[in-house]
PDB file of N, CA and C in Angstrom:
ATOM      1  N   MET A   1       7.149  -0.350 -12.683  1.00  0.00           N
ATOM      2  CA  MET A   1       8.166   0.726 -13.451  1.00  0.00           C
ATOM      3  C   MET A   1       8.878   1.418 -12.285  1.00  0.00           C
ATOM      4  N   GLN A   2      10.120   1.573 -12.613  1.00  0.00           N
ATOM      5  CA  GLN A   2      10.815   2.608 -11.838  1.00  0.00           C
ATOM      6  C   GLN A   2      11.958   3.281 -12.607  1.00  0.00           C
ATOM      7  N   GLY A   3      11.672   4.513 -12.793  1.00  0.00           N
ATOM      8  CA  GLY A   3      12.640   5.344 -13.718  1.00  0.00           C
ATOM      9  C   GLY A   3      12.444   4.585 -15.138  1.00  0.00           C
ATOM     10  N   LYS A   4      13.579   4.401 -15.754  1.00  0.00           N
ATOM     11  CA  LYS A   4      13.455   3.912 -17.203  1.00  0.00           C
ATOM     12  C   LYS A   4      13.154   2.418 -17.226  1.00  0.00           C
ATOM     13  N   PHE A   5      13.185   1.734 -16.014  1.00  0.00           N
ATOM     14  CA  PHE A   5      13.080   0.370 -15.800  1.00  0.00           C
ATOM     15  C   PHE A   5      11.720  -0.238 -15.900  1.00  0.00           C
ATOM     16  N   THR A   6      11.314  -1.368 -16.518  1.00  0.00           N
ATOM     17  CA  THR A   6      10.042  -1.939 -16.360  1.00  0.00           C
ATOM     18  C   THR A   6      10.136  -3.496 -16.275  1.00  0.00           C
ATOM     19  N   GLU A   7       9.394  -3.972 -15.331  1.00  0.00           N
ATOM     20  CA  GLU A   7       9.284  -5.498 -15.152  1.00  0.00           C
ATOM     21  C   GLU A   7       7.915  -5.930 -15.264  1.00  0.00           C
ATOM     22  N   LEU A   8       7.584  -7.104 -16.011  1.00  0.00           N
ATOM     23  CA  LEU A   8       6.303  -7.497 -16.243  1.00  0.00           C
ATOM     24  C   LEU A   8       6.311  -8.929 -15.856  1.00  0.00           C
ATOM     25  N   ASN A   9       5.419  -9.308 -14.780  1.00  0.00           N
ATOM     26  CA  ASN A   9       5.320 -10.758 -14.465  1.00  0.00           C
ATOM     27  C   ASN A   9       4.131 -11.137 -14.736  1.00  0.00           C
ATOM     28  N   GLY A  10       4.008 -12.589 -15.115  1.00  0.00           N
ATOM     29  CA  GLY A  10       2.659 -13.222 -15.177  1.00  0.00           C
ATOM     30  C   GLY A  10       2.851 -14.836 -15.061  1.00  0.00           C
ATOM     31  N   GLY A  11       1.688 -15.376 -15.066  1.00  0.00           N
ATOM     32  CA  GLY A  11       1.608 -16.888 -14.703  1.00  0.00           C
ATOM     33  C   GLY A  11       0.337 -17.356 -13.860  1.00  0.00           C
ATOM     34  N   GLY A  12       0.429 -18.460 -13.502  1.00  0.00           N
ATOM     35  CA  GLY A  12      -0.614 -18.895 -12.607  1.00  0.00           C
ATOM     36  C   GLY A  12      -0.327 -20.244 -12.025  1.00  0.00           C
ATOM     37  N   ASN A  13      -1.268 -20.719 -11.270  1.00  0.00           N
ATOM     38  CA  ASN A  13      -1.239 -22.077 -10.530  1.00  0.00           C
ATOM     39  C   ASN A  13      -2.460 -22.858 -10.749  1.00  0.00           C
ATOM     40  N   VAL A  14      -2.332 -24.031 -10.875  1.00  0.00           N
ATOM     41  CA  VAL A  14      -3.617 -24.993 -10.968  1.00  0.00           C
ATOM     42  C   VAL A  14      -3.641 -25.709  -9.465  1.00  0.00           C
ATOM     43  N   LYS A  15      -4.730 -25.575  -8.889  1.00  0.00           N
ATOM     44  CA  LYS A  15      -5.003 -26.363  -7.461  1.00  0.00           C
ATOM     45  C   LYS A  15      -5.720 -27.501  -7.620  1.00  0.00           C
ATOM     46  N   LEU A  16      -5.282 -28.707  -6.929  1.00  0.00           N
ATOM     47  CA  LEU A  16      -6.188 -29.896  -6.940  1.00  0.00           C
ATOM     48  C   LEU A  16      -6.421 -30.160  -5.418  1.00  0.00           C
ATOM     49  N   ALA A  17      -7.772 -30.051  -5.083  1.00  0.00           N
ATOM     50  CA  ALA A  17      -8.082 -30.352  -3.694  1.00  0.00           C
ATOM     51  C   ALA A  17      -8.078 -31.779  -3.395  1.00  0.00           C
ATOM     52  N   LEU A  18      -7.217 -32.295  -2.325  1.00  0.00           N
ATOM     53  CA  LEU A  18      -7.216 -33.608  -2.004  1.00  0.00           C
ATOM     54  C   LEU A  18      -8.249 -33.887  -1.076  1.00  0.00           C
ATOM     55  N   SER A  19      -8.530 -32.947  -0.170  1.00  0.00           N
ATOM     56  CA  SER A  19      -9.566 -33.357   0.857  1.00  0.00           C
ATOM     57  C   SER A  19     -10.175 -32.075   1.209  1.00  0.00           C
ATOM     58  N   LYS A  20     -11.501 -32.036   1.486  1.00  0.00           N
ATOM     59  CA  LYS A  20     -12.337 -30.777   1.603  1.00  0.00           C
ATOM     60  C   LYS A  20     -12.836 -30.912   3.178  1.00  0.00           C
ATOM     61  N   ASN A  21     -12.107 -31.886   3.857  1.00  0.00           N
ATOM     62  CA  ASN A  21     -12.555 -32.102   5.309  1.00  0.00           C
ATOM     63  C   ASN A  21     -12.171 -30.791   5.920  1.00  0.00           C
ATOM     64  N   GLU A  22     -12.987 -30.125   6.806  1.00  0.00           N
ATOM     65  CA  GLU A  22     -12.598 -28.827   7.320  1.00  0.00           C
ATOM     66  C   GLU A  22     -11.424 -29.188   8.321  1.00  0.00           C
ATOM     67  N   LYS A  23     -11.375 -30.326   9.102  1.00  0.00           N
ATOM     68  CA  LYS A  23     -10.443 -30.512  10.025  1.00  0.00           C
ATOM     69  C   LYS A  23      -9.086 -30.965   9.398  1.00  0.00           C
ATOM     70  N   ASN A  24      -9.176 -31.286   8.221  1.00  0.00           N
ATOM     71  CA  ASN A  24      -7.827 -31.946   7.438  1.00  0.00           C
ATOM     72  C   ASN A  24      -7.829 -31.484   6.008  1.00  0.00           C
ATOM     73  N   GLU A  25      -7.652 -30.153   5.807  1.00  0.00           N
ATOM     74  CA  GLU A  25      -7.658 -29.785   4.323  1.00  0.00           C
ATOM     75  C   GLU A  25      -6.337 -30.057   3.663  1.00  0.00           C
ATOM     76  N   MET A  26      -6.298 -30.568   2.666  1.00  0.00           N
ATOM     77  CA  MET A  26      -5.213 -30.663   1.778  1.00  0.00           C
ATOM     78  C   MET A  26      -5.421 -30.444   0.389  1.00  0.00           C
ATOM     79  N   ALA A  27      -4.332 -29.811  -0.177  1.00  0.00           N
ATOM     80  CA  ALA A  27      -4.319 -29.521  -1.611  1.00  0.00           C
ATOM     81  C   ALA A  27      -2.823 -29.352  -2.281  1.00  0.00           C
ATOM     82  N   ILE A  28      -2.832 -29.744  -3.602  1.00  0.00           N
ATOM     83  CA  ILE A  28      -1.621 -29.451  -4.214  1.00  0.00           C
ATOM     84  C   ILE A  28      -1.639 -28.429  -5.406  1.00  0.00           C
ATOM     85  N   TYR A  29      -0.574 -27.854  -5.693  1.00  0.00           N
ATOM     86  CA  TYR A  29      -0.430 -26.794  -6.849  1.00  0.00           C
ATOM     87  C   TYR A  29       0.702 -27.071  -7.839  1.00  0.00           C
ATOM     88  N   LEU A  30       0.468 -26.663  -9.011  1.00  0.00           N
ATOM     89  CA  LEU A  30       1.341 -26.778 -10.087  1.00  0.00           C
ATOM     90  C   LEU A  30       1.440 -25.512 -10.817  1.00  0.00           C
ATOM     91  N   GLY A  31       2.278 -24.798 -11.034  1.00  0.00           N
ATOM     92  CA  GLY A  31       2.260 -23.590 -11.762  1.00  0.00           C
ATOM     93  C   GLY A  31       3.394 -23.216 -12.541  1.00  0.00           C
ATOM     94  N   GLY A  32       3.320 -22.227 -13.365  1.00  0.00           N
ATOM     95  CA  GLY A  32       4.370 -21.712 -14.049  1.00  0.00           C
ATOM     96  C   GLY A  32       4.244 -20.122 -14.156  1.00  0.00           C
ATOM     97  N   PHE A  33       5.348 -19.423 -14.270  1.00  0.00           N
ATOM     98  CA  PHE A  33       5.315 -17.957 -14.336  1.00  0.00           C
ATOM     99  C   PHE A  33       6.292 -17.456 -15.273  1.00  0.00           C
ATOM    100  N   PHE A  34       6.340 -16.106 -15.668  1.00  0.00           N
ATOM    101  CA  PHE A  34       7.506 -15.720 -16.496  1.00  0.00           C
ATOM    102  C   PHE A  34       7.767 -14.273 -15.998  1.00  0.00           C
ATOM    103  N   ARG A  35       8.954 -13.828 -16.207  1.00  0.00           N
ATOM    104  CA  ARG A  35       9.168 -12.373 -16.020  1.00  0.00           C
ATOM    105  C   ARG A  35       9.845 -12.000 -17.349  1.00  0.00           C
ATOM    106  N   THR A  36       9.192 -11.041 -18.062  1.00  0.00           N
ATOM    107  CA  THR A  36       9.690 -10.807 -19.556  1.00  0.00           C
ATOM    108  C   THR A  36      11.011 -10.552 -19.734  1.00  0.00           C
ATOM    109  N   LYS A  37      11.605 -10.986 -20.606  1.00  0.00           N
ATOM    110  CA  LYS A  37      13.010 -10.830 -21.083  1.00  0.00           C
ATOM    111  C   LYS A  37      14.022 -11.263 -19.904  1.00  0.00           C
ATOM    112  N   ASP A  38      13.655 -12.067 -19.145  1.00  0.00           N
ATOM    113  CA  ASP A  38      14.627 -12.516 -18.066  1.00  0.00           C
ATOM    114  C   ASP A  38      14.519 -13.897 -17.542  1.00  0.00           C
ATOM    115  N   ALA A  39      13.373 -14.543 -17.149  1.00  0.00           N
ATOM    116  CA  ALA A  39      13.249 -15.716 -16.635  1.00  0.00           C
ATOM    117  C   ALA A  39      11.884 -16.399 -16.530  1.00  0.00           C
ATOM    118  N   GLY A  40      11.993 -17.786 -16.665  1.00  0.00           N
ATOM    119  CA  GLY A  40      10.783 -18.720 -16.395  1.00  0.00           C
ATOM    120  C   GLY A  40      10.800 -19.207 -15.194  1.00  0.00           C
ATOM    121  N   ILE A  41       9.634 -19.518 -14.408  1.00  0.00           N
ATOM    122  CA  ILE A  41       9.620 -19.973 -13.049  1.00  0.00           C
ATOM    123  C   ILE A  41       8.679 -21.208 -13.116  1.00  0.00           C
ATOM    124  N   ALA A  42       9.000 -22.386 -12.721  1.00  0.00           N
ATOM    125  CA  ALA A  42       8.281 -23.556 -12.455  1.00  0.00           C
ATOM    126  C   ALA A  42       8.027 -23.606 -10.946  1.00  0.00           C
ATOM    127  N   ARG A  43       6.677 -23.837 -10.631  1.00  0.00           N
ATOM    128  CA  ARG A  43       6.275 -23.854  -9.101  1.00  0.00           C
ATOM    129  C   ARG A  43       5.338 -25.173  -8.746  1.00  0.00           C
ATOM    130  N   VAL A  44       5.668 -25.685  -7.397  1.00  0.00           N
ATOM    131  CA  VAL A  44       4.889 -26.648  -7.029  1.00  0.00           C
ATOM    132  C   VAL A  44       4.479 -26.172  -5.467  1.00  0.00           C
ATOM    133  N   GLY A  45       3.367 -26.696  -4.879  1.00  0.00           N
ATOM    134  CA  GLY A  45       3.075 -26.152  -3.478  1.00  0.00           C
ATOM    135  C   GLY A  45       2.065 -27.160  -2.818  1.00  0.00           C
ATOM    136  N   LEU A  46       1.918 -27.228  -1.554  1.00  0.00           N
ATOM    137  CA  LEU A  46       1.147 -28.084  -0.822  1.00  0.00           C
ATOM    138  C   LEU A  46       0.433 -27.207   0.176  1.00  0.00           C
ATOM    139  N   ASP A  47      -0.825 -27.456   0.337  1.00  0.00           N
ATOM    140  CA  ASP A  47      -1.649 -26.800   1.529  1.00  0.00           C
ATOM    141  C   ASP A  47      -1.931 -27.981   2.372  1.00  0.00           C
ATOM    142  N   TYR A  48      -1.839 -27.756   3.800  1.00  0.00           N
ATOM    143  CA  TYR A  48      -2.163 -28.543   4.806  1.00  0.00           C
ATOM    144  C   TYR A  48      -2.658 -27.920   5.799  1.00  0.00           C
ATOM    145  N   ASN A  49      -4.084 -27.873   6.029  1.00  0.00           N
ATOM    146  CA  ASN A  49      -4.709 -26.992   6.899  1.00  0.00           C
ATOM    147  C   ASN A  49      -4.300 -25.568   6.781  1.00  0.00           C
ATOM    148  N   ASN A  50      -3.855 -24.863   7.764  1.00  0.00           N
ATOM    149  CA  ASN A  50      -3.478 -23.426   7.848  1.00  0.00           C
ATOM    150  C   ASN A  50      -1.948 -23.143   7.155  1.00  0.00           C
ATOM    151  N   LEU A  51      -1.375 -24.382   6.630  1.00  0.00           N
ATOM    152  CA  LEU A  51      -0.047 -24.010   6.191  1.00  0.00           C
ATOM    153  C   LEU A  51       0.048 -24.147   4.721  1.00  0.00           C
ATOM    154  N   HIS A  52       0.912 -23.487   4.172  1.00  0.00           N
ATOM    155  CA  HIS A  52       1.216 -23.604   2.517  1.00  0.00           C
ATOM    156  C   HIS A  52       2.725 -23.692   2.373  1.00  0.00           C
ATOM    157  N   LEU A  53       3.188 -24.805   1.825  1.00  0.00           N
ATOM    158  CA  LEU A  53       4.653 -24.782   1.538  1.00  0.00           C
ATOM    159  C   LEU A  53       4.695 -24.767  -0.115  1.00  0.00           C
ATOM    160  N   GLY A  54       5.538 -23.866  -0.471  1.00  0.00           N
ATOM    161  CA  GLY A  54       5.973 -23.841  -1.820  1.00  0.00           C
ATOM    162  C   GLY A  54       7.335 -23.724  -2.300  1.00  0.00           C
ATOM    163  N   PHE A  55       7.590 -24.521  -3.327  1.00  0.00           N
ATOM    164  CA  PHE A  55       9.043 -24.633  -3.928  1.00  0.00           C
ATOM    165  C   PHE A  55       8.713 -24.010  -5.400  1.00  0.00           C
ATOM    166  N   ALA A  56       9.928 -23.378  -5.706  1.00  0.00           N
ATOM    167  CA  ALA A  56      10.131 -22.851  -7.080  1.00  0.00           C
ATOM    168  C   ALA A  56      11.435 -23.015  -7.542  1.00  0.00           C
ATOM    169  N   TYR A  57      11.459 -23.032  -9.033  1.00  0.00           N
ATOM    170  CA  TYR A  57      12.835 -22.797  -9.683  1.00  0.00           C
ATOM    171  C   TYR A  57      12.867 -21.842 -10.671  1.00  0.00           C
ATOM    172  N   ASP A  58      13.686 -20.826 -10.750  1.00  0.00           N
ATOM    173  CA  ASP A  58      13.567 -20.065 -11.728  1.00  0.00           C
ATOM    174  C   ASP A  58      14.722 -20.166 -12.771  1.00  0.00           C
ATOM    175  N   PHE A  59      14.615 -20.147 -14.017  1.00  0.00           N
ATOM    176  CA  PHE A  59      15.647 -20.295 -14.874  1.00  0.00           C
ATOM    177  C   PHE A  59      15.855 -19.274 -15.779  1.00  0.00           C
ATOM    178  N   ASN A  60      16.985 -18.842 -16.052  1.00  0.00           N
ATOM    179  CA  ASN A  60      17.310 -17.685 -16.855  1.00  0.00           C
ATOM    180  C   ASN A  60      17.014 -17.718 -18.314  1.00  0.00           C
ATOM    181  N   THR A  61      16.378 -16.795 -18.906  1.00  0.00           N
ATOM    182  CA  THR A  61      16.246 -16.800 -20.475  1.00  0.00           C
ATOM    183  C   THR A  61      16.988 -15.458 -20.926  1.00  0.00           C
ATOM    184  N   SER A  62      17.663 -14.668 -20.216  1.00  0.00           N
ATOM    185  CA  SER A  62      18.303 -13.459 -20.499  1.00  0.00           C
ATOM    186  C   SER A  62      19.859 -13.632 -20.602  1.00  0.00           C
ATOM    187  N   ASP A  63      20.610 -12.409 -20.758  1.00  0.00           N
ATOM    188  CA  ASP A  63      21.887 -12.621 -20.870  1.00  0.00           C
ATOM    189  C   ASP A  63      22.499 -12.691 -19.349  1.00  0.00           C
ATOM    190  N   LEU A  64      21.806 -12.661 -18.543  1.00  0.00           N
ATOM    191  CA  LEU A  64      22.099 -13.003 -16.890  1.00  0.00           C
ATOM    192  C   LEU A  64      22.671 -14.309 -16.865  1.00  0.00           C
ATOM    193  N   ASP A  65      22.346 -15.234 -17.841  1.00  0.00           N
ATOM    194  CA  ASP A  65      22.709 -16.715 -17.564  1.00  0.00           C
ATOM    195  C   ASP A  65      24.177 -16.939 -17.557  1.00  0.00           C
ATOM    196  N   ARG A  66      24.955 -15.699 -18.154  1.00  0.00           N
ATOM    197  CA  ARG A  66      26.438 -15.756 -18.148  1.00  0.00           C
ATOM    198  C   ARG A  66      26.932 -15.692 -16.573  1.00  0.00           C
ATOM    199  N   ALA A  67      26.218 -14.855 -15.790  1.00  0.00           N
ATOM    200  CA  ALA A  67      26.535 -14.519 -14.621  1.00  0.00           C
ATOM    201  C   ALA A  67      26.171 -15.818 -13.584  1.00  0.00           C
ATOM    202  N   SER A  68      25.274 -16.531 -14.085  1.00  0.00           N
ATOM    203  CA  SER A  68      24.612 -17.655 -13.274  1.00  0.00           C
ATOM    204  C   SER A  68      25.090 -19.032 -13.697  1.00  0.00           C
ATOM    205  N   ASN A  69      26.041 -18.992 -14.733  1.00  0.00           N
ATOM    206  CA  ASN A  69      26.470 -20.102 -15.321  1.00  0.00           C
ATOM    207  C   ASN A  69      25.454 -21.032 -16.003  1.00  0.00           C
ATOM    208  N   GLY A  70      24.327 -20.412 -16.413  1.00  0.00           N
ATOM    209  CA  GLY A  70      23.187 -21.079 -16.978  1.00  0.00           C
ATOM    210  C   GLY A  70      22.318 -21.727 -15.927  1.00  0.00           C
ATOM    211  N   LYS A  71      22.468 -21.473 -14.777  1.00  0.00           N
ATOM    212  CA  LYS A  71      21.792 -22.157 -13.633  1.00  0.00           C
ATOM    213  C   LYS A  71      20.829 -21.011 -13.025  1.00  0.00           C
ATOM    214  N   GLY A  72      19.594 -21.577 -12.642  1.00  0.00           N
ATOM    215  CA  GLY A  72      18.593 -20.726 -12.115  1.00  0.00           C
ATOM    216  C   GLY A  72      18.914 -20.785 -10.526  1.00  0.00           C
ATOM    217  N   GLY A  73      17.698 -20.419  -9.887  1.00  0.00           N
ATOM    218  CA  GLY A  73      17.821 -20.499  -8.418  1.00  0.00           C
ATOM    219  C   GLY A  73      16.490 -21.230  -7.760  1.00  0.00           C
ATOM    220  N   TYR A  74      16.827 -21.813  -6.737  1.00  0.00           N
ATOM    221  CA  TYR A  74      15.681 -22.395  -5.942  1.00  0.00           C
ATOM    222  C   TYR A  74      15.060 -21.383  -4.872  1.00  0.00           C
ATOM    223  N   GLU A  75      13.725 -21.512  -4.795  1.00  0.00           N
ATOM    224  CA  GLU A  75      13.112 -20.726  -3.783  1.00  0.00           C
ATOM    225  C   GLU A  75      12.105 -21.564  -3.076  1.00  0.00           C
ATOM    226  N   MET A  76      11.906 -21.315  -1.560  1.00  0.00           N
ATOM    227  CA  MET A  76      11.060 -22.066  -0.841  1.00  0.00           C
ATOM    228  C   MET A  76      10.256 -20.922   0.037  1.00  0.00           C
ATOM    229  N   ALA A  77       9.000 -21.297   0.152  1.00  0.00           N
ATOM    230  CA  ALA A  77       8.127 -20.347   0.964  1.00  0.00           C
ATOM    231  C   ALA A  77       7.255 -21.304   1.861  1.00  0.00           C
ATOM    232  N   LEU A  78       7.194 -20.805   3.174  1.00  0.00           N
ATOM    233  CA  LEU A  78       6.170 -21.289   4.228  1.00  0.00           C
ATOM    234  C   LEU A  78       5.351 -20.267   4.587  1.00  0.00           C
ATOM    235  N   ILE A  79       4.057 -20.506   4.277  1.00  0.00           N
ATOM    236  CA  ILE A  79       3.117 -19.333   4.574  1.00  0.00           C
ATOM    237  C   ILE A  79       2.088 -20.031   5.632  1.00  0.00           C
ATOM    238  N   TYR A  80       1.665 -19.115   6.572  1.00  0.00           N
ATOM    239  CA  TYR A  80       0.694 -19.486   7.456  1.00  0.00           C
ATOM    240  C   TYR A  80      -0.805 -18.669   7.007  1.00  0.00           C
ATOM    241  N   ILE A  81      -1.771 -19.449   6.859  1.00  0.00           N
ATOM    242  CA  ILE A  81      -3.078 -18.846   6.318  1.00  0.00           C
ATOM    243  C   ILE A  81      -4.025 -18.623   7.488  1.00  0.00           C
ATOM    244  N   PHE A  82      -4.380 -17.383   7.784  1.00  0.00           N
ATOM    245  CA  PHE A  82      -5.301 -16.956   8.765  1.00  0.00           C
ATOM    246  C   PHE A  82      -6.718 -17.175   8.155  1.00  0.00           C
ATOM    247  N   LYS A  83      -7.513 -18.043   8.800  1.00  0.00           N
ATOM    248  CA  LYS A  83      -8.946 -18.421   8.264  1.00  0.00           C
ATOM    249  C   LYS A  83      -9.888 -17.570   9.026  1.00  0.00           C
ATOM    250  N   LYS A  84      -9.701 -17.193  10.297  1.00  0.00           N
ATOM    251  CA  LYS A  84     -10.684 -16.366  10.997  1.00  0.00           C
ATOM    252  C   LYS A  84     -10.043 -14.969  11.357  1.00  0.00           C
ATOM    253  N   VAL A  85     -10.713 -13.978  10.724  1.00  0.00           N
ATOM    254  CA  VAL A  85     -10.198 -12.684  10.880  1.00  0.00           C
ATOM    255  C   VAL A  85     -11.290 -11.808  11.719  1.00  0.00           C
ATOM    256  N   LYS A  86     -10.785 -11.025  12.634  1.00  0.00           N
ATOM    257  CA  LYS A  86     -11.551 -10.264  13.413  1.00  0.00           C
ATOM    258  C   LYS A  86     -12.420  -9.091  12.444  1.00  0.00           C
ATOM    259  N   PRO A  87     -13.666  -9.196  12.668  1.00  0.00           N
ATOM    260  CA  PRO A  87     -14.432  -8.165  11.835  1.00  0.00           C
ATOM    261  C   PRO A  87     -14.033  -6.764  12.078  1.00  0.00           C
ATOM    262  N   LEU A  88     -14.075  -5.957  10.889  1.00  0.00           N
ATOM    263  CA  LEU A  88     -13.890  -4.505  11.151  1.00  0.00           C
ATOM    264  C   LEU A  88     -15.011  -3.911  11.686  1.00  0.00           C
ATOM    265  N   LYS A  89     -14.774  -2.621  12.447  1.00  0.00           N
ATOM    266  CA  LYS A  89     -15.920  -1.876  13.057  1.00  0.00           C
ATOM    267  C   LYS A  89     -16.560  -1.059  12.015  1.00  0.00           C
ATOM    268  N   ILE A  90     -16.011  -0.796  10.874  1.00  0.00           N
ATOM    269  CA  ILE A  90     -16.478   0.068   9.816  1.00  0.00           C
ATOM    270  C   ILE A  90     -16.715  -0.677   8.548  1.00  0.00           C
ATOM    271  N   ASN A  91     -17.529  -0.239   7.680  1.00  0.00           N
ATOM    272  CA  ASN A  91     -17.816  -0.829   6.365  1.00  0.00           C
ATOM    273  C   ASN A  91     -16.767  -0.404   5.333  1.00  0.00           C
ATOM    274  N   PRO A  92     -15.771  -0.966   4.899  1.00  0.00           N
ATOM    275  CA  PRO A  92     -14.807  -0.583   4.079  1.00  0.00           C
ATOM    276  C   PRO A  92     -15.466  -0.523   2.631  1.00  0.00           C
ATOM    277  N   PRO A  93     -14.816   0.508   1.681  1.00  0.00           N
ATOM    278  CA  PRO A  93     -15.535   0.670   0.350  1.00  0.00           C
ATOM    279  C   PRO A  93     -15.238  -0.518  -0.488  1.00  0.00           C
ATOM    280  N   CYS A  94     -14.297  -1.522  -0.259  1.00  0.00           N
ATOM    281  CA  CYS A  94     -14.017  -2.581  -0.924  1.00  0.00           C
ATOM    282  C   CYS A  94     -14.151  -3.783   0.019  1.00  0.00           C
ATOM    283  N   PRO A  95     -14.353  -4.932  -0.706  1.00  0.00           N
ATOM    284  CA  PRO A  95     -14.655  -6.094   0.167  1.00  0.00           C
ATOM    285  C   PRO A  95     -13.164  -6.654   0.627  1.00  0.00           C
ATOM    286  N   VAL A  96     -13.387  -7.331   1.943  1.00  0.00           N
ATOM    287  CA  VAL A  96     -12.118  -7.727   2.511  1.00  0.00           C
ATOM    288  C   VAL A  96     -12.070  -9.271   2.297  1.00  0.00           C
ATOM    289  N   TYR A  97     -10.792  -9.642   1.767  1.00  0.00           N
ATOM    290  CA  TYR A  97     -10.796 -11.191   1.536  1.00  0.00           C
ATOM    291  C   TYR A  97     -10.018 -11.923   2.538  1.00  0.00           C
TER     292      TYR A  97
END
């Protein structure tokens, strides 16, 4: 929420582990999300060891489709996953993930 504007997003991914070998971890994702009164989002992803590569396409469901000519937008993400984290010297009130 910001001023009189509100945005609500929801959705999820399904993950299929292809390999649980610690030296060669692989998984694929398939997901769908929505942004109320605005867009739907289809997403696929791939994990390989410490890397995650994701592709998404969002398509308009609002009046914005006039500005985009009925076309959505592609998105790509490359994420590095830190698996070993230096322990904290204090005990935080919430768990660290």
